[in-house]
Amino acid sequence: MDRRVPSADEMRSYAAALVARVTARNRLPLDYSERSLRVVDFLIDGLRKGGADRERARETLYGLGAYLGEVLVRRAGAVWVDFDADQRAYFGQPVGVRMPDGRVWNPLGKVLNRFEAGGPEDSLQRFYLMLHGRARRVVA
């Protein structure tokens, strides 16, 4: 994976590359389900506890952010969007997801927050379960 954050059109393949890399080595159940976000929480906690700094873990964290976003796309009806200048300034990221109700979320930032703070309130699984604007049915 390269050093730049992919555009919205590239995020699905970016997430798939992370899944292939992580599951090939560790056999982790990253199946794009909301349950798999618990595994992502565990992976991020492991990076932090293992002493990785944000820069060393950057590509993995962005891959996990892409994965979180892709779960929102597949399970909650979101679509990937390239942020406009104001949104980039606000979120600190170039891409995010738009929910069916029009709300915009920043999955890359959510993963970075989990890495930095690591408290239960930063759980990605919890974020998904409390997420406003989800579609009522699964969108594959």
C-alpha atoms as a PDB file:
ATOM      1  CA  MET A   1       0.000   0.000   0.000  1.00  0.00           C
ATOM      2  CA  ASP A   2       1.283   3.434  -0.805  1.00  0.00           C
ATOM      3  CA  ARG A   3       1.617   6.451   1.510  1.00  0.00           C
ATOM      4  CA  ARG A   4      -1.340   8.479   0.229  1.00  0.00           C
ATOM      5  CA  VAL A   5      -4.901   7.954   1.335  1.00  0.00           C
ATOM      6  CA  PRO A   6      -6.928   6.548  -1.565  1.00  0.00           C
ATOM      7  CA  SER A   7      -9.868   8.370  -3.095  1.00  0.00           C
ATOM      8  CA  ALA A   8     -13.446   7.276  -2.464  1.00  0.00           C
ATOM      9  CA  ASP A   9     -13.383   5.170  -5.655  1.00  0.00           C
ATOM     10  CA  GLU A  10     -10.347   3.238  -4.364  1.00  0.00           C
ATOM     11  CA  MET A  11     -11.452   2.560  -0.781  1.00  0.00           C
ATOM     12  CA  ARG A  12     -13.177  -0.779  -1.445  1.00  0.00           C
ATOM     13  CA  SER A  13     -10.017  -2.267  -2.957  1.00  0.00           C
ATOM     14  CA  TYR A  14      -7.874  -0.674  -0.219  1.00  0.00           C
ATOM     15  CA  ALA A  15     -10.014  -2.420   2.423  1.00  0.00           C
ATOM     16  CA  ALA A  16      -9.881  -5.707   0.485  1.00  0.00           C
ATOM     17  CA  ALA A  17      -6.071  -5.526   0.343  1.00  0.00           C
ATOM     18  CA  LEU A  18      -5.908  -5.090   4.118  1.00  0.00           C
ATOM     19  CA  VAL A  19      -8.302  -8.012   4.665  1.00  0.00           C
ATOM     20  CA  ALA A  20      -6.220 -10.243   2.386  1.00  0.00           C
ATOM     21  CA  ARG A  21      -2.997  -9.268   4.153  1.00  0.00           C
ATOM     22  CA  VAL A  22      -4.320  -9.623   7.703  1.00  0.00           C
ATOM     23  CA  THR A  23      -6.373 -12.774   7.218  1.00  0.00           C
ATOM     24  CA  ALA A  24      -3.635 -14.602   5.282  1.00  0.00           C
ATOM     25  CA  ARG A  25      -1.275 -14.364   8.236  1.00  0.00           C
ATOM     26  CA  ASN A  26      -3.648 -14.529  11.174  1.00  0.00           C
ATOM     27  CA  ARG A  27      -6.857 -16.208  10.020  1.00  0.00           C
ATOM     28  CA  LEU A  28      -8.909 -13.427  11.561  1.00  0.00           C
ATOM     29  CA  PRO A  29     -12.641 -13.338  10.806  1.00  0.00           C
ATOM     30  CA  LEU A  30     -12.817 -10.072   8.872  1.00  0.00           C
ATOM     31  CA  ASP A  31     -16.040 -10.714   6.974  1.00  0.00           C
ATOM     32  CA  TYR A  32     -17.406  -7.148   6.803  1.00  0.00           C
ATOM     33  CA  SER A  33     -19.974  -7.879   9.503  1.00  0.00           C
ATOM     34  CA  GLU A  34     -20.671  -5.581  12.414  1.00  0.00           C
ATOM     35  CA  ARG A  35     -19.393  -8.399  14.662  1.00  0.00           C
ATOM     36  CA  SER A  36     -16.013  -8.245  12.935  1.00  0.00           C
ATOM     37  CA  LEU A  37     -15.544  -4.699  14.236  1.00  0.00           C
ATOM     38  CA  ARG A  38     -14.758  -6.263  17.603  1.00  0.00           C
ATOM     39  CA  VAL A  39     -11.772  -7.915  15.909  1.00  0.00           C
ATOM     40  CA  VAL A  40     -10.742  -4.529  14.493  1.00  0.00           C
ATOM     41  CA  ASP A  41     -10.922  -3.039  18.016  1.00  0.00           C
ATOM     42  CA  PHE A  42      -8.695  -5.907  19.181  1.00  0.00           C
ATOM     43  CA  LEU A  43      -6.193  -5.321  16.343  1.00  0.00           C
ATOM     44  CA  ILE A  44      -5.942  -1.606  17.076  1.00  0.00           C
ATOM     45  CA  ASP A  45      -5.504  -2.261  20.800  1.00  0.00           C
ATOM     46  CA  GLY A  46      -2.739  -4.739  19.961  1.00  0.00           C
ATOM     47  CA  LEU A  47      -0.913  -2.171  17.837  1.00  0.00           C
ATOM     48  CA  ARG A  48      -1.074   0.361  20.641  1.00  0.00           C
ATOM     49  CA  LYS A  49      -0.066  -2.079  23.379  1.00  0.00           C
ATOM     50  CA  GLY A  50       2.728  -3.396  21.166  1.00  0.00           C
ATOM     51  CA  GLY A  51       4.283   0.048  21.219  1.00  0.00           C
ATOM     52  CA  ALA A  52       3.617   1.034  17.615  1.00  0.00           C
ATOM     53  CA  ASP A  53       3.586   4.758  17.076  1.00  0.00           C
ATOM     54  CA  ARG A  54       1.023   6.348  14.803  1.00  0.00           C
ATOM     55  CA  GLU A  55       3.435   6.856  11.910  1.00  0.00           C
ATOM     56  CA  ARG A  56       4.716   3.256  11.967  1.00  0.00           C
ATOM     57  CA  ALA A  57       1.157   1.945  12.129  1.00  0.00           C
ATOM     58  CA  ARG A  58      -0.215   4.470   9.606  1.00  0.00           C
ATOM     59  CA  GLU A  59      -0.864   2.132   6.665  1.00  0.00           C
ATOM     60  CA  THR A  60      -2.459  -0.516   8.864  1.00  0.00           C
ATOM     61  CA  LEU A  61      -4.621   2.066  10.627  1.00  0.00           C
ATOM     62  CA  TYR A  62      -5.769   3.533   7.308  1.00  0.00           C
ATOM     63  CA  GLY A  63      -6.503   0.030   6.060  1.00  0.00           C
ATOM     64  CA  LEU A  64      -8.590  -0.626   9.168  1.00  0.00           C
ATOM     65  CA  GLY A  65     -10.359   2.705   8.600  1.00  0.00           C
ATOM     66  CA  ALA A  66     -11.113   1.618   5.044  1.00  0.00           C
ATOM     67  CA  TYR A  67     -12.431  -1.663   6.444  1.00  0.00           C
ATOM     68  CA  LEU A  68     -14.700   0.165   8.913  1.00  0.00           C
ATOM     69  CA  GLY A  69     -15.985   2.348   6.095  1.00  0.00           C
ATOM     70  CA  GLU A  70     -16.593  -0.681   3.918  1.00  0.00           C
ATOM     71  CA  VAL A  71     -18.618  -2.301   6.730  1.00  0.00           C
ATOM     72  CA  LEU A  72     -20.737   0.865   6.756  1.00  0.00           C
ATOM     73  CA  VAL A  73     -21.117   0.641   2.977  1.00  0.00           C
ATOM     74  CA  ARG A  74     -22.062  -3.046   2.953  1.00  0.00           C
ATOM     75  CA  ARG A  75     -24.136  -3.239   6.118  1.00  0.00           C
ATOM     76  CA  ALA A  76     -25.542   0.230   6.763  1.00  0.00           C
ATOM     77  CA  GLY A  77     -26.217   1.582   3.274  1.00  0.00           C
ATOM     78  CA  ALA A  78     -23.411   4.154   3.208  1.00  0.00           C
ATOM     79  CA  VAL A  79     -21.481   5.268   0.125  1.00  0.00           C
ATOM     80  CA  TRP A  80     -17.853   6.367  -0.070  1.00  0.00           C
ATOM     81  CA  VAL A  81     -17.398  10.086  -0.772  1.00  0.00           C
ATOM     82  CA  ASP A  82     -14.456  12.371  -1.378  1.00  0.00           C
ATOM     83  CA  PHE A  83     -14.732  15.183   1.155  1.00  0.00           C
ATOM     84  CA  ASP A  84     -14.931  18.766  -0.032  1.00  0.00           C
ATOM     85  CA  ALA A  85     -12.412  21.307   1.288  1.00  0.00           C
ATOM     86  CA  ASP A  86     -14.481  22.205   4.362  1.00  0.00           C
ATOM     87  CA  GLN A  87     -15.070  18.567   5.260  1.00  0.00           C
ATOM     88  CA  ARG A  88     -11.352  17.764   4.788  1.00  0.00           C
ATOM     89  CA  ALA A  89     -10.484  20.624   7.130  1.00  0.00           C
ATOM     90  CA  TYR A  90     -13.050  19.494   9.710  1.00  0.00           C
ATOM     91  CA  PHE A  91     -12.337  15.761   9.626  1.00  0.00           C
ATOM     92  CA  GLY A  92      -8.635  15.872   8.774  1.00  0.00           C
ATOM     93  CA  GLN A  93      -9.167  13.189   6.112  1.00  0.00           C
ATOM     94  CA  PRO A  94      -9.847  13.315   2.372  1.00  0.00           C
ATOM     95  CA  VAL A  95     -12.552  10.613   2.270  1.00  0.00           C
ATOM     96  CA  GLY A  96     -15.471   9.359   4.319  1.00  0.00           C
ATOM     97  CA  VAL A  97     -18.912   7.855   3.975  1.00  0.00           C
ATOM     98  CA  ARG A  98     -22.374   9.330   3.505  1.00  0.00           C
ATOM     99  CA  MET A  99     -25.234   7.521   5.177  1.00  0.00           C
ATOM    100  CA  PRO A 100     -28.687   7.049   3.624  1.00  0.00           C
ATOM    101  CA  ASP A 101     -30.023   9.957   5.713  1.00  0.00           C
ATOM    102  CA  GLY A 102     -27.274  12.278   4.392  1.00  0.00           C
ATOM    103  CA  ARG A 103     -25.038  12.278   7.469  1.00  0.00           C
ATOM    104  CA  VAL A 104     -21.327  12.111   6.782  1.00  0.00           C
ATOM    105  CA  TRP A 105     -18.946  10.014   8.902  1.00  0.00           C
ATOM    106  CA  ASN A 106     -15.178   9.728   9.062  1.00  0.00           C
ATOM    107  CA  PRO A 107     -14.178   6.048   9.478  1.00  0.00           C
ATOM    108  CA  LEU A 108     -10.452   6.760   9.078  1.00  0.00           C
ATOM    109  CA  GLY A 109     -10.619   9.284  11.901  1.00  0.00           C
ATOM    110  CA  LYS A 110     -12.625   6.876  14.065  1.00  0.00           C
ATOM    111  CA  VAL A 111      -9.850   4.289  13.763  1.00  0.00           C
ATOM    112  CA  LEU A 112      -7.176   6.875  14.545  1.00  0.00           C
ATOM    113  CA  ASN A 113      -9.161   7.976  17.620  1.00  0.00           C
ATOM    114  CA  ARG A 114      -9.390   4.355  18.773  1.00  0.00           C
ATOM    115  CA  PHE A 115      -5.615   4.022  18.379  1.00  0.00           C
ATOM    116  CA  GLU A 116      -4.871   7.285  20.207  1.00  0.00           C
ATOM    117  CA  ALA A 117      -7.374   7.014  23.075  1.00  0.00           C
ATOM    118  CA  GLY A 118      -8.323   3.342  23.194  1.00  0.00           C
ATOM    119  CA  GLY A 119     -11.147   3.644  25.683  1.00  0.00           C
ATOM    120  CA  PRO A 120     -14.382   1.662  25.531  1.00  0.00           C
ATOM    121  CA  GLU A 121     -16.175   4.773  24.263  1.00  0.00           C
ATOM    122  CA  ASP A 122     -13.911   4.632  21.180  1.00  0.00           C
ATOM    123  CA  SER A 123     -14.932   1.068  20.261  1.00  0.00           C
ATOM    124  CA  LEU A 124     -15.669   0.701  16.567  1.00  0.00           C
ATOM    125  CA  GLN A 125     -18.247  -1.990  17.222  1.00  0.00           C
ATOM    126  CA  ARG A 126     -19.996   0.340  19.658  1.00  0.00           C
ATOM    127  CA  PHE A 127     -19.796   3.166  17.094  1.00  0.00           C
ATOM    128  CA  TYR A 128     -21.559   0.951  14.540  1.00  0.00           C
ATOM    129  CA  LEU A 129     -24.258  -0.165  16.963  1.00  0.00           C
ATOM    130  CA  MET A 130     -25.019   3.427  17.988  1.00  0.00           C
ATOM    131  CA  LEU A 131     -24.700   4.830  14.478  1.00  0.00           C
ATOM    132  CA  HIS A 132     -27.400   7.223  13.342  1.00  0.00           C
ATOM    133  CA  GLY A 133     -28.577   7.143   9.768  1.00  0.00           C
ATOM    134  CA  ARG A 134     -28.113   3.417   9.071  1.00  0.00           C
ATOM    135  CA  ALA A 135     -30.280   1.670   6.529  1.00  0.00           C
ATOM    136  CA  ARG A 136     -32.766  -0.650   8.168  1.00  0.00           C
ATOM    137  CA  ARG A 137     -31.732  -3.596   5.995  1.00  0.00           C
ATOM    138  CA  VAL A 138     -28.394  -5.036   5.007  1.00  0.00           C
ATOM    139  CA  VAL A 139     -26.964  -3.660   1.767  1.00  0.00           C
ATOM    140  CA  ALA A 140     -24.342  -5.915   0.176  1.00  0.00           C
END
